[in-house]
Amino acid sequence: MPRVLLIRAVLLAAGVLAALTASASLTVVPASAAAPEPPTIEWGVVPADAAGPDGRVSLRHTIDPGGAITDAIAVTNHSIEPAVFTVAAGDGVVGADGAYDVRADDPAAGGAWIDVGGVDGDGLALAAGETRVLPVTITVPADATPGDHPAGIVVGLSAAESGVTVTHRVGVRVHLQVAGEIAPMLSVDAAAASFTPSWIPFAPGTLTVEYRVTNTGNVRFGASVAADAAGPLGLMPGGGTAAAFEVLPGGTATQRIELPLAPLFFAAGEITVTPVSLGDDRVPLPEAASAGFSTPAVAWSSIAVVALGAGIIALVVSIFVRRRARRVR
């Protein structure tokens, strides 16, 4: 190769290498140069005494009609910057997922009897890492009905997310019971069953039972559920249980339970709800209640296999008969 061409080739290679190095350097961003993550506000609220958090998990009180008690909560800003929080009391509910929650609208029952002090008109302003003890007063009306009146106190923080203002809330539960006659009661109804056969012939299918539990008394309880089912004449019985769930006074919970069951063309059974105590509750429990159900339980895959087998047998017999008839002739 002539010397001039060799020099040009070397220079060209050097230029390409420099370009590649420059391009690669553009894609490398040191971690220290990345945009900082926006700070995350974290906070908590727990029961307290005058000195601060006292280790309780909820506020629990039994109060006479017309009576009042005082308590306290501690709110802590766990983040590294100050924030302004809202503090409000509300009525307690159990959501569709079975979790306890506090309604965000104006309270009309136990939540309306709770007053939280130490909050300015603009909210509760806390410095980074600050804990503030807030006094709580619960005043029960003289005409309040005996029994449980679930409530809670929530501490919230609003922020704009994608152009929409979203409020995140953290709360502490208030177990509030008005002294008087306790009347625990429950009912079970609307038990409806359906059967889903397995695609595997002659294998057990899934029996699904949906039922509704209503707390018709004045105290909460946990509902433990068991279901039993069988085919015609009690053949090939099966059963199952479900985890206990909470039902508040006047509340209704619609649940379902699934259990394996052999497909015998028809299934019938009974759902039984047994009340259980929750947490530190020490109240009488209502009697267990039950409801019956029935449903067709047909395994179409099994029928198809039987029909196919019968068809094959019929075909073989037909061929055998025809061949024998020809021999006789």
C-alpha atoms as a PDB file:
ATOM      1  CA  MET A   1       0.000   0.000   0.000  1.00  0.00           C
ATOM      2  CA  PRO A   2       1.443   3.499  -0.902  1.00  0.00           C
ATOM      3  CA  ARG A   3       2.522   5.553   2.087  1.00  0.00           C
ATOM      4  CA  VAL A   4      -0.091   8.290   1.437  1.00  0.00           C
ATOM      5  CA  LEU A   5      -2.924   5.772   1.386  1.00  0.00           C
ATOM      6  CA  LEU A   6      -1.619   4.154   4.564  1.00  0.00           C
ATOM      7  CA  ILE A   7      -1.596   7.518   6.369  1.00  0.00           C
ATOM      8  CA  ARG A   8      -5.137   8.264   5.157  1.00  0.00           C
ATOM      9  CA  ALA A   9      -6.329   4.860   6.406  1.00  0.00           C
ATOM     10  CA  VAL A  10      -4.772   5.446   9.824  1.00  0.00           C
ATOM     11  CA  LEU A  11      -6.342   8.904  10.092  1.00  0.00           C
ATOM     12  CA  LEU A  12      -9.739   7.545   9.011  1.00  0.00           C
ATOM     13  CA  ALA A  13      -9.611   4.788  11.621  1.00  0.00           C
ATOM     14  CA  ALA A  14      -8.630   7.273  14.300  1.00  0.00           C
ATOM     15  CA  GLY A  15     -11.532   9.540  13.317  1.00  0.00           C
ATOM     16  CA  VAL A  16     -14.027   6.680  13.460  1.00  0.00           C
ATOM     17  CA  LEU A  17     -12.695   5.627  16.874  1.00  0.00           C
ATOM     18  CA  ALA A  18     -12.968   9.185  18.171  1.00  0.00           C
ATOM     19  CA  ALA A  19     -16.539   9.465  16.869  1.00  0.00           C
ATOM     20  CA  LEU A  20     -17.517   6.192  18.525  1.00  0.00           C
ATOM     21  CA  THR A  21     -15.919   7.311  21.794  1.00  0.00           C
ATOM     22  CA  ALA A  22     -17.773  10.627  21.663  1.00  0.00           C
ATOM     23  CA  SER A  23     -21.070   8.866  20.903  1.00  0.00           C
ATOM     24  CA  ALA A  24     -20.573   6.440  23.770  1.00  0.00           C
ATOM     25  CA  SER A  25     -19.749   9.236  26.175  1.00  0.00           C
ATOM     26  CA  LEU A  26     -23.072  10.912  25.380  1.00  0.00           C
ATOM     27  CA  THR A  27     -25.008   7.893  26.617  1.00  0.00           C
ATOM     28  CA  VAL A  28     -23.251   7.674  29.971  1.00  0.00           C
ATOM     29  CA  VAL A  29     -24.896   9.784  32.700  1.00  0.00           C
ATOM     30  CA  PRO A  30     -23.177   9.694  36.086  1.00  0.00           C
ATOM     31  CA  ALA A  31     -25.511   8.851  38.968  1.00  0.00           C
ATOM     32  CA  SER A  32     -24.568  12.075  40.689  1.00  0.00           C
ATOM     33  CA  ALA A  33     -25.805  14.059  37.699  1.00  0.00           C
ATOM     34  CA  ALA A  34     -29.270  12.424  37.578  1.00  0.00           C
ATOM     35  CA  ALA A  35     -32.290  14.505  38.579  1.00  0.00           C
ATOM     36  CA  PRO A  36     -33.035  14.053  42.313  1.00  0.00           C
ATOM     37  CA  GLU A  37     -36.138  12.084  43.308  1.00  0.00           C
ATOM     38  CA  PRO A  38     -38.870  14.244  44.815  1.00  0.00           C
ATOM     39  CA  PRO A  39     -39.041  13.768  48.589  1.00  0.00           C
ATOM     40  CA  THR A  40     -41.693  11.343  49.852  1.00  0.00           C
ATOM     41  CA  ILE A  41     -43.865  12.399  52.756  1.00  0.00           C
ATOM     42  CA  GLU A  42     -44.457   9.623  55.268  1.00  0.00           C
ATOM     43  CA  TRP A  43     -46.511   9.947  58.425  1.00  0.00           C
ATOM     44  CA  GLY A  44     -48.324   7.916  61.026  1.00  0.00           C
ATOM     45  CA  VAL A  45     -51.015   8.191  63.685  1.00  0.00           C
ATOM     46  CA  VAL A  46     -51.314   5.985  66.786  1.00  0.00           C
ATOM     47  CA  PRO A  47     -53.046   6.063  70.195  1.00  0.00           C
ATOM     48  CA  ALA A  48     -51.135   8.035  72.804  1.00  0.00           C
ATOM     49  CA  ASP A  49     -51.043   9.467  76.284  1.00  0.00           C
ATOM     50  CA  ALA A  50     -49.732  12.876  77.293  1.00  0.00           C
ATOM     51  CA  ALA A  51     -46.134  11.710  76.823  1.00  0.00           C
ATOM     52  CA  GLY A  52     -46.574  10.269  73.332  1.00  0.00           C
ATOM     53  CA  PRO A  53     -47.395   6.906  71.664  1.00  0.00           C
ATOM     54  CA  ASP A  54     -48.405   4.376  74.311  1.00  0.00           C
ATOM     55  CA  GLY A  55     -48.326   1.078  72.398  1.00  0.00           C
ATOM     56  CA  ARG A  56     -52.059   0.598  71.829  1.00  0.00           C
ATOM     57  CA  VAL A  57     -53.330  -0.307  68.370  1.00  0.00           C
ATOM     58  CA  SER A  58     -56.716   1.436  68.674  1.00  0.00           C
ATOM     59  CA  LEU A  59     -58.861   3.612  70.913  1.00  0.00           C
ATOM     60  CA  ARG A  60     -61.308   1.352  72.779  1.00  0.00           C
ATOM     61  CA  HIS A  61     -63.982   2.709  75.120  1.00  0.00           C
ATOM     62  CA  THR A  62     -67.362   1.771  76.566  1.00  0.00           C
ATOM     63  CA  ILE A  63     -69.309   4.911  77.506  1.00  0.00           C
ATOM     64  CA  ASP A  64     -72.699   5.472  79.122  1.00  0.00           C
ATOM     65  CA  PRO A  65     -75.326   7.413  77.151  1.00  0.00           C
ATOM     66  CA  GLY A  66     -74.755  11.095  77.887  1.00  0.00           C
ATOM     67  CA  GLY A  67     -71.217  10.419  79.098  1.00  0.00           C
ATOM     68  CA  ALA A  68     -67.834  11.565  77.794  1.00  0.00           C
ATOM     69  CA  ILE A  69     -64.193  10.455  77.944  1.00  0.00           C
ATOM     70  CA  THR A  70     -60.858  11.943  76.927  1.00  0.00           C
ATOM     71  CA  ASP A  71     -58.003  10.232  75.146  1.00  0.00           C
ATOM     72  CA  ALA A  72     -55.210  11.191  72.759  1.00  0.00           C
ATOM     73  CA  ILE A  73     -53.479  10.350  69.486  1.00  0.00           C
ATOM     74  CA  ALA A  74     -49.929  11.034  68.340  1.00  0.00           C
ATOM     75  CA  VAL A  75     -49.251  12.169  64.765  1.00  0.00           C
ATOM     76  CA  THR A  76     -45.670  11.885  63.473  1.00  0.00           C
ATOM     77  CA  ASN A  77     -44.133  13.346  60.325  1.00  0.00           C
ATOM     78  CA  HIS A  78     -41.548  10.699  59.390  1.00  0.00           C
ATOM     79  CA  SER A  79     -40.296  12.603  56.337  1.00  0.00           C
ATOM     80  CA  ILE A  80     -37.308  14.942  55.949  1.00  0.00           C
ATOM     81  CA  GLU A  81     -39.326  18.055  55.212  1.00  0.00           C
ATOM     82  CA  PRO A  82     -42.296  19.826  56.840  1.00  0.00           C
ATOM     83  CA  ALA A  83     -45.878  19.116  55.825  1.00  0.00           C
ATOM     84  CA  VAL A  84     -49.413  20.230  56.651  1.00  0.00           C
ATOM     85  CA  PHE A  85     -51.925  17.450  57.351  1.00  0.00           C
ATOM     86  CA  THR A  86     -55.688  17.317  57.709  1.00  0.00           C
ATOM     87  CA  VAL A  87     -57.192  15.590  60.744  1.00  0.00           C
ATOM     88  CA  ALA A  88     -60.789  14.381  60.835  1.00  0.00           C
ATOM     89  CA  ALA A  89     -63.038  11.839  62.548  1.00  0.00           C
ATOM     90  CA  GLY A  90     -65.474   9.662  60.623  1.00  0.00           C
ATOM     91  CA  ASP A  91     -67.820   6.694  60.802  1.00  0.00           C
ATOM     92  CA  GLY A  92     -66.302   3.241  60.443  1.00  0.00           C
ATOM     93  CA  VAL A  93     -67.177   0.824  57.634  1.00  0.00           C
ATOM     94  CA  VAL A  94     -65.956  -2.508  56.310  1.00  0.00           C
ATOM     95  CA  GLY A  95     -65.152  -2.314  52.608  1.00  0.00           C
ATOM     96  CA  ALA A  96     -65.911  -4.865  49.904  1.00  0.00           C
ATOM     97  CA  ASP A  97     -62.421  -6.311  50.402  1.00  0.00           C
ATOM     98  CA  GLY A  98     -63.148  -6.948  54.086  1.00  0.00           C
ATOM     99  CA  ALA A  99     -60.794  -4.230  55.339  1.00  0.00           C
ATOM    100  CA  TYR A 100     -61.866  -1.684  57.936  1.00  0.00           C
ATOM    101  CA  ASP A 101     -62.052   1.899  56.671  1.00  0.00           C
ATOM    102  CA  VAL A 102     -63.262   5.330  57.762  1.00  0.00           C
ATOM    103  CA  ARG A 103     -65.796   7.162  55.631  1.00  0.00           C
ATOM    104  CA  ALA A 104     -64.618  10.436  54.100  1.00  0.00           C
ATOM    105  CA  ASP A 105     -68.022  12.163  54.180  1.00  0.00           C
ATOM    106  CA  ASP A 106     -69.562  13.980  57.135  1.00  0.00           C
ATOM    107  CA  PRO A 107     -70.044  11.551  60.054  1.00  0.00           C
ATOM    108  CA  ALA A 108     -73.561  10.735  61.159  1.00  0.00           C
ATOM    109  CA  ALA A 109     -72.941   8.166  63.919  1.00  0.00           C
ATOM    110  CA  GLY A 110     -69.959   7.439  66.172  1.00  0.00           C
ATOM    111  CA  GLY A 111     -67.609   9.638  64.169  1.00  0.00           C
ATOM    112  CA  ALA A 112     -69.801  12.669  64.894  1.00  0.00           C
ATOM    113  CA  TRP A 113     -69.196  12.232  68.635  1.00  0.00           C
ATOM    114  CA  ILE A 114     -65.401  12.593  68.333  1.00  0.00           C
ATOM    115  CA  ASP A 115     -63.594  15.908  68.646  1.00  0.00           C
ATOM    116  CA  VAL A 116     -59.849  16.195  67.992  1.00  0.00           C
ATOM    117  CA  GLY A 117     -58.099  19.228  69.464  1.00  0.00           C
ATOM    118  CA  GLY A 118     -54.778  20.864  68.735  1.00  0.00           C
ATOM    119  CA  VAL A 119     -55.480  21.410  65.032  1.00  0.00           C
ATOM    120  CA  ASP A 120     -55.400  24.873  63.475  1.00  0.00           C
ATOM    121  CA  GLY A 121     -57.917  25.990  60.885  1.00  0.00           C
ATOM    122  CA  ASP A 122     -55.423  25.380  58.061  1.00  0.00           C
ATOM    123  CA  GLY A 123     -54.490  21.905  59.290  1.00  0.00           C
ATOM    124  CA  LEU A 124     -51.800  20.290  61.386  1.00  0.00           C
ATOM    125  CA  ALA A 125     -48.349  21.671  60.473  1.00  0.00           C
ATOM    126  CA  LEU A 126     -45.500  19.375  61.483  1.00  0.00           C
ATOM    127  CA  ALA A 127     -41.797  19.890  61.003  1.00  0.00           C
ATOM    128  CA  ALA A 128     -39.616  17.097  59.666  1.00  0.00           C
ATOM    129  CA  GLY A 129     -39.498  14.280  62.213  1.00  0.00           C
ATOM    130  CA  GLU A 130     -41.909  16.041  64.581  1.00  0.00           C
ATOM    131  CA  THR A 131     -44.477  14.190  66.708  1.00  0.00           C
ATOM    132  CA  ARG A 132     -47.514  16.038  68.066  1.00  0.00           C
ATOM    133  CA  VAL A 133     -49.944  14.676  70.682  1.00  0.00           C
ATOM    134  CA  LEU A 134     -53.549  15.704  70.001  1.00  0.00           C
ATOM    135  CA  PRO A 135     -56.277  15.476  72.654  1.00  0.00           C
ATOM    136  CA  VAL A 136     -59.393  13.490  71.750  1.00  0.00           C
ATOM    137  CA  THR A 137     -62.792  13.940  73.382  1.00  0.00           C
ATOM    138  CA  ILE A 138     -65.664  11.516  72.785  1.00  0.00           C
ATOM    139  CA  THR A 139     -69.087  12.742  73.897  1.00  0.00           C
ATOM    140  CA  VAL A 140     -71.997  10.300  73.601  1.00  0.00           C
ATOM    141  CA  PRO A 141     -75.514  11.726  73.185  1.00  0.00           C
ATOM    142  CA  ALA A 142     -77.999  10.898  75.932  1.00  0.00           C
ATOM    143  CA  ASP A 143     -80.297   9.139  73.432  1.00  0.00           C
ATOM    144  CA  ALA A 144     -77.561   6.995  71.844  1.00  0.00           C
ATOM    145  CA  THR A 145     -78.556   3.365  71.337  1.00  0.00           C
ATOM    146  CA  PRO A 146     -76.557   0.669  73.146  1.00  0.00           C
ATOM    147  CA  GLY A 147     -73.992  -1.339  71.219  1.00  0.00           C
ATOM    148  CA  ASP A 148     -71.071  -0.726  68.891  1.00  0.00           C
ATOM    149  CA  HIS A 149     -70.699   2.533  66.986  1.00  0.00           C
ATOM    150  CA  PRO A 150     -67.549   2.037  64.890  1.00  0.00           C
ATOM    151  CA  ALA A 151     -65.497   5.109  64.047  1.00  0.00           C
ATOM    152  CA  GLY A 152     -61.973   6.292  63.352  1.00  0.00           C
ATOM    153  CA  ILE A 153     -59.646   9.283  63.140  1.00  0.00           C
ATOM    154  CA  VAL A 154     -57.751   9.857  59.898  1.00  0.00           C
ATOM    155  CA  VAL A 155     -54.763  12.052  59.117  1.00  0.00           C
ATOM    156  CA  GLY A 156     -54.504  12.976  55.440  1.00  0.00           C
ATOM    157  CA  LEU A 157     -52.224  14.741  52.991  1.00  0.00           C
ATOM    158  CA  SER A 158     -53.320  16.036  49.584  1.00  0.00           C
ATOM    159  CA  ALA A 159     -51.066  16.203  46.539  1.00  0.00           C
ATOM    160  CA  ALA A 160     -51.455  16.791  42.808  1.00  0.00           C
ATOM    161  CA  GLU A 161     -50.905  13.633  40.762  1.00  0.00           C
ATOM    162  CA  SER A 162     -51.220  13.881  36.969  1.00  0.00           C
ATOM    163  CA  GLY A 163     -53.298  17.037  37.319  1.00  0.00           C
ATOM    164  CA  VAL A 164     -55.679  15.467  39.852  1.00  0.00           C
ATOM    165  CA  THR A 165     -55.660  16.218  43.569  1.00  0.00           C
ATOM    166  CA  VAL A 166     -55.342  12.967  45.496  1.00  0.00           C
ATOM    167  CA  THR A 167     -55.633  12.667  49.271  1.00  0.00           C
ATOM    168  CA  HIS A 168     -53.767   9.867  51.030  1.00  0.00           C
ATOM    169  CA  ARG A 169     -55.014   8.956  54.494  1.00  0.00           C
ATOM    170  CA  VAL A 170     -53.656   7.089  57.503  1.00  0.00           C
ATOM    171  CA  GLY A 171     -55.991   6.350  60.386  1.00  0.00           C
ATOM    172  CA  VAL A 172     -56.455   4.906  63.835  1.00  0.00           C
ATOM    173  CA  ARG A 173     -59.536   2.865  64.655  1.00  0.00           C
ATOM    174  CA  VAL A 174     -61.964   3.828  67.437  1.00  0.00           C
ATOM    175  CA  HIS A 175     -63.838   0.917  69.054  1.00  0.00           C
ATOM    176  CA  LEU A 176     -66.723   2.818  70.598  1.00  0.00           C
ATOM    177  CA  GLN A 177     -69.465   0.997  72.474  1.00  0.00           C
ATOM    178  CA  VAL A 178     -72.429   2.606  74.210  1.00  0.00           C
ATOM    179  CA  ALA A 179     -73.264   0.829  77.466  1.00  0.00           C
ATOM    180  CA  GLY A 180     -76.619  -0.903  77.725  1.00  0.00           C
ATOM    181  CA  GLU A 181     -78.332  -4.063  76.548  1.00  0.00           C
ATOM    182  CA  ILE A 182     -76.218  -6.028  74.075  1.00  0.00           C
ATOM    183  CA  ALA A 183     -78.248  -7.904  71.460  1.00  0.00           C
ATOM    184  CA  PRO A 184     -76.066  -9.977  69.090  1.00  0.00           C
ATOM    185  CA  MET A 185     -77.941 -11.370  66.085  1.00  0.00           C
ATOM    186  CA  LEU A 186     -77.218 -12.474  62.531  1.00  0.00           C
ATOM    187  CA  SER A 187     -78.983 -13.854  59.480  1.00  0.00           C
ATOM    188  CA  VAL A 188     -77.781 -15.790  56.445  1.00  0.00           C
ATOM    189  CA  ASP A 189     -79.682 -15.698  53.193  1.00  0.00           C
ATOM    190  CA  ALA A 190     -79.421 -15.553  49.421  1.00  0.00           C
ATOM    191  CA  ALA A 191     -77.251 -18.682  49.288  1.00  0.00           C
ATOM    192  CA  ALA A 192     -76.827 -19.495  45.591  1.00  0.00           C
ATOM    193  CA  ALA A 193     -74.633 -22.222  44.142  1.00  0.00           C
ATOM    194  CA  SER A 194     -73.106 -22.954  40.750  1.00  0.00           C
ATOM    195  CA  PHE A 195     -70.993 -25.839  39.514  1.00  0.00           C
ATOM    196  CA  THR A 196     -68.026 -25.575  37.165  1.00  0.00           C
ATOM    197  CA  PRO A 197     -66.984 -28.982  35.794  1.00  0.00           C
ATOM    198  CA  SER A 198     -63.390 -29.948  35.191  1.00  0.00           C
ATOM    199  CA  TRP A 199     -62.148 -30.358  31.635  1.00  0.00           C
ATOM    200  CA  ILE A 200     -60.602 -33.630  32.790  1.00  0.00           C
ATOM    201  CA  PRO A 201     -63.234 -36.373  32.432  1.00  0.00           C
ATOM    202  CA  PHE A 202     -64.512 -37.842  35.706  1.00  0.00           C
ATOM    203  CA  ALA A 203     -62.414 -35.418  37.794  1.00  0.00           C
ATOM    204  CA  PRO A 204     -64.089 -33.361  40.569  1.00  0.00           C
ATOM    205  CA  GLY A 205     -65.396 -29.940  39.562  1.00  0.00           C
ATOM    206  CA  THR A 206     -65.686 -26.730  41.588  1.00  0.00           C
ATOM    207  CA  LEU A 207     -68.812 -25.886  43.540  1.00  0.00           C
ATOM    208  CA  THR A 208     -69.103 -22.134  44.215  1.00  0.00           C
ATOM    209  CA  VAL A 209     -71.557 -20.949  46.863  1.00  0.00           C
ATOM    210  CA  GLU A 210     -72.347 -17.237  47.209  1.00  0.00           C
ATOM    211  CA  TYR A 211     -74.141 -16.100  50.341  1.00  0.00           C
ATOM    212  CA  ARG A 212     -75.033 -12.963  52.283  1.00  0.00           C
ATOM    213  CA  VAL A 213     -74.466 -12.440  56.013  1.00  0.00           C
ATOM    214  CA  THR A 214     -76.304  -9.606  57.786  1.00  0.00           C
ATOM    215  CA  ASN A 215     -75.557  -8.380  61.292  1.00  0.00           C
ATOM    216  CA  THR A 216     -79.011  -7.628  62.654  1.00  0.00           C
ATOM    217  CA  GLY A 217     -77.736  -7.054  66.207  1.00  0.00           C
ATOM    218  CA  ASN A 218     -75.936  -4.127  67.840  1.00  0.00           C
ATOM    219  CA  VAL A 219     -72.357  -5.461  68.233  1.00  0.00           C
ATOM    220  CA  ARG A 220     -69.774  -6.537  65.699  1.00  0.00           C
ATOM    221  CA  PHE A 221     -68.601 -10.116  65.252  1.00  0.00           C
ATOM    222  CA  GLY A 222     -66.407 -12.225  63.008  1.00  0.00           C
ATOM    223  CA  ALA A 223     -68.138 -14.721  60.732  1.00  0.00           C
ATOM    224  CA  SER A 224     -66.485 -18.114  60.268  1.00  0.00           C
ATOM    225  CA  VAL A 225     -68.021 -20.075  57.400  1.00  0.00           C
ATOM    226  CA  ALA A 226     -68.264 -23.769  56.524  1.00  0.00           C
ATOM    227  CA  ALA A 227     -70.020 -25.377  53.557  1.00  0.00           C
ATOM    228  CA  ASP A 228     -71.061 -29.004  53.071  1.00  0.00           C
ATOM    229  CA  ALA A 229     -72.441 -30.507  49.874  1.00  0.00           C
ATOM    230  CA  ALA A 230     -73.103 -33.893  48.299  1.00  0.00           C
ATOM    231  CA  GLY A 231     -74.659 -35.537  45.273  1.00  0.00           C
ATOM    232  CA  PRO A 232     -78.060 -37.305  45.146  1.00  0.00           C
ATOM    233  CA  LEU A 233     -78.827 -39.420  48.222  1.00  0.00           C
ATOM    234  CA  GLY A 234     -75.806 -37.899  49.969  1.00  0.00           C
ATOM    235  CA  LEU A 235     -73.309 -39.584  47.657  1.00  0.00           C
ATOM    236  CA  MET A 236     -69.670 -38.436  47.587  1.00  0.00           C
ATOM    237  CA  PRO A 237     -69.944 -35.558  50.091  1.00  0.00           C
ATOM    238  CA  GLY A 238     -67.479 -32.679  50.195  1.00  0.00           C
ATOM    239  CA  GLY A 239     -66.886 -29.593  52.297  1.00  0.00           C
ATOM    240  CA  GLY A 240     -64.755 -26.557  52.884  1.00  0.00           C
ATOM    241  CA  THR A 241     -64.216 -23.552  55.145  1.00  0.00           C
ATOM    242  CA  ALA A 242     -63.427 -19.875  54.650  1.00  0.00           C
ATOM    243  CA  ALA A 243     -61.441 -17.385  56.734  1.00  0.00           C
ATOM    244  CA  ALA A 244     -63.447 -15.316  59.227  1.00  0.00           C
ATOM    245  CA  PHE A 245     -64.484 -11.815  58.177  1.00  0.00           C
ATOM    246  CA  GLU A 246     -65.856  -8.861  60.130  1.00  0.00           C
ATOM    247  CA  VAL A 247     -69.487  -7.750  60.028  1.00  0.00           C
ATOM    248  CA  LEU A 248     -70.443  -4.472  61.732  1.00  0.00           C
ATOM    249  CA  PRO A 249     -73.861  -3.799  63.315  1.00  0.00           C
ATOM    250  CA  GLY A 250     -76.386  -3.213  60.551  1.00  0.00           C
ATOM    251  CA  GLY A 251     -73.810  -4.283  57.995  1.00  0.00           C
ATOM    252  CA  THR A 252     -74.104  -6.865  55.246  1.00  0.00           C
ATOM    253  CA  ALA A 253     -71.294  -8.881  53.682  1.00  0.00           C
ATOM    254  CA  THR A 254     -71.636 -10.897  50.491  1.00  0.00           C
ATOM    255  CA  GLN A 255     -69.053 -13.669  50.318  1.00  0.00           C
ATOM    256  CA  ARG A 256     -68.339 -16.823  48.363  1.00  0.00           C
ATOM    257  CA  ILE A 257     -66.729 -20.144  49.104  1.00  0.00           C
ATOM    258  CA  GLU A 258     -65.420 -22.773  46.689  1.00  0.00           C
ATOM    259  CA  LEU A 259     -65.037 -26.503  47.270  1.00  0.00           C
ATOM    260  CA  PRO A 260     -64.249 -29.533  45.082  1.00  0.00           C
ATOM    261  CA  LEU A 261     -67.176 -31.847  44.374  1.00  0.00           C
ATOM    262  CA  ALA A 262     -67.771 -34.895  42.210  1.00  0.00           C
ATOM    263  CA  PRO A 263     -70.115 -34.310  39.232  1.00  0.00           C
ATOM    264  CA  LEU A 264     -73.179 -36.446  39.974  1.00  0.00           C
ATOM    265  CA  PHE A 265     -75.679 -34.395  37.914  1.00  0.00           C
ATOM    266  CA  PHE A 266     -77.087 -32.694  41.033  1.00  0.00           C
ATOM    267  CA  ALA A 267     -75.620 -31.248  44.239  1.00  0.00           C
ATOM    268  CA  ALA A 268     -77.201 -29.880  47.399  1.00  0.00           C
ATOM    269  CA  GLY A 269     -75.857 -28.709  50.705  1.00  0.00           C
ATOM    270  CA  GLU A 270     -75.814 -26.119  53.445  1.00  0.00           C
ATOM    271  CA  ILE A 271     -73.759 -23.074  54.350  1.00  0.00           C
ATOM    272  CA  THR A 272     -73.214 -22.474  58.092  1.00  0.00           C
ATOM    273  CA  VAL A 273     -72.010 -19.187  59.589  1.00  0.00           C
ATOM    274  CA  THR A 274     -70.562 -19.363  63.097  1.00  0.00           C
ATOM    275  CA  PRO A 275     -69.851 -16.054  64.907  1.00  0.00           C
ATOM    276  CA  VAL A 276     -66.406 -15.624  66.503  1.00  0.00           C
ATOM    277  CA  SER A 277     -64.888 -12.915  68.703  1.00  0.00           C
ATOM    278  CA  LEU A 278     -62.529 -10.388  67.117  1.00  0.00           C
ATOM    279  CA  GLY A 279     -59.493  -8.821  68.757  1.00  0.00           C
ATOM    280  CA  ASP A 280     -60.103  -7.847  72.369  1.00  0.00           C
ATOM    281  CA  ASP A 281     -63.902  -8.033  72.118  1.00  0.00           C
ATOM    282  CA  ARG A 282     -65.585  -9.576  75.130  1.00  0.00           C
ATOM    283  CA  VAL A 283     -69.266  -9.698  74.205  1.00  0.00           C
ATOM    284  CA  PRO A 284     -71.812 -12.503  73.849  1.00  0.00           C
ATOM    285  CA  LEU A 285     -72.022 -13.965  70.367  1.00  0.00           C
ATOM    286  CA  PRO A 286     -75.174 -14.766  68.384  1.00  0.00           C
ATOM    287  CA  GLU A 287     -76.192 -18.300  67.504  1.00  0.00           C
ATOM    288  CA  ALA A 288     -74.859 -19.854  64.321  1.00  0.00           C
ATOM    289  CA  ALA A 289     -77.108 -19.547  61.266  1.00  0.00           C
ATOM    290  CA  SER A 290     -77.352 -21.574  58.077  1.00  0.00           C
ATOM    291  CA  ALA A 291     -78.947 -21.620  54.638  1.00  0.00           C
ATOM    292  CA  GLY A 292     -79.425 -24.412  52.094  1.00  0.00           C
ATOM    293  CA  PHE A 293     -78.579 -24.474  48.381  1.00  0.00           C
ATOM    294  CA  SER A 294     -78.763 -26.754  45.358  1.00  0.00           C
ATOM    295  CA  THR A 295     -77.539 -26.730  41.765  1.00  0.00           C
ATOM    296  CA  PRO A 296     -77.098 -28.991  38.729  1.00  0.00           C
ATOM    297  CA  ALA A 297     -73.649 -30.613  38.719  1.00  0.00           C
ATOM    298  CA  VAL A 298     -73.049 -31.973  35.252  1.00  0.00           C
ATOM    299  CA  ALA A 299     -69.630 -32.866  33.852  1.00  0.00           C
ATOM    300  CA  TRP A 300     -70.002 -32.436  30.114  1.00  0.00           C
ATOM    301  CA  SER A 301     -66.499 -33.740  29.427  1.00  0.00           C
ATOM    302  CA  SER A 302     -67.382 -37.013  31.153  1.00  0.00           C
ATOM    303  CA  ILE A 303     -70.640 -37.259  29.219  1.00  0.00           C
ATOM    304  CA  ALA A 304     -68.740 -36.648  25.982  1.00  0.00           C
ATOM    305  CA  VAL A 305     -66.263 -39.430  26.814  1.00  0.00           C
ATOM    306  CA  VAL A 306     -69.083 -41.843  27.699  1.00  0.00           C
ATOM    307  CA  ALA A 307     -70.978 -40.921  24.538  1.00  0.00           C
ATOM    308  CA  LEU A 308     -67.845 -41.378  22.440  1.00  0.00           C
ATOM    309  CA  GLY A 309     -67.130 -44.722  24.069  1.00  0.00           C
ATOM    310  CA  ALA A 310     -70.723 -45.867  23.551  1.00  0.00           C
ATOM    311  CA  GLY A 311     -70.543 -44.775  19.915  1.00  0.00           C
ATOM    312  CA  ILE A 312     -67.326 -46.722  19.351  1.00  0.00           C
ATOM    313  CA  ILE A 313     -68.804 -49.837  20.980  1.00  0.00           C
ATOM    314  CA  ALA A 314     -71.954 -49.508  18.893  1.00  0.00           C
ATOM    315  CA  LEU A 315     -69.879 -49.151  15.741  1.00  0.00           C
ATOM    316  CA  VAL A 316     -67.754 -52.198  16.565  1.00  0.00           C
ATOM    317  CA  VAL A 317     -70.863 -54.283  17.329  1.00  0.00           C
ATOM    318  CA  SER A 318     -72.490 -53.109  14.108  1.00  0.00           C
ATOM    319  CA  ILE A 319     -69.447 -54.089  12.042  1.00  0.00           C
ATOM    320  CA  PHE A 320     -69.235 -57.457  13.806  1.00  0.00           C
ATOM    321  CA  VAL A 321     -72.941 -58.163  13.171  1.00  0.00           C
ATOM    322  CA  ARG A 322     -72.657 -57.230   9.478  1.00  0.00           C
ATOM    323  CA  ARG A 323     -69.624 -59.457   8.929  1.00  0.00           C
ATOM    324  CA  ARG A 324     -71.328 -62.366  10.653  1.00  0.00           C
ATOM    325  CA  ALA A 325     -74.452 -61.846   8.567  1.00  0.00           C
ATOM    326  CA  ARG A 326     -72.384 -61.996   5.383  1.00  0.00           C
ATOM    327  CA  ARG A 327     -70.767 -65.259   6.470  1.00  0.00           C
ATOM    328  CA  VAL A 328     -74.163 -66.810   7.127  1.00  0.00           C
ATOM    329  CA  ARG A 329     -75.264 -65.973   3.603  1.00  0.00           C
END
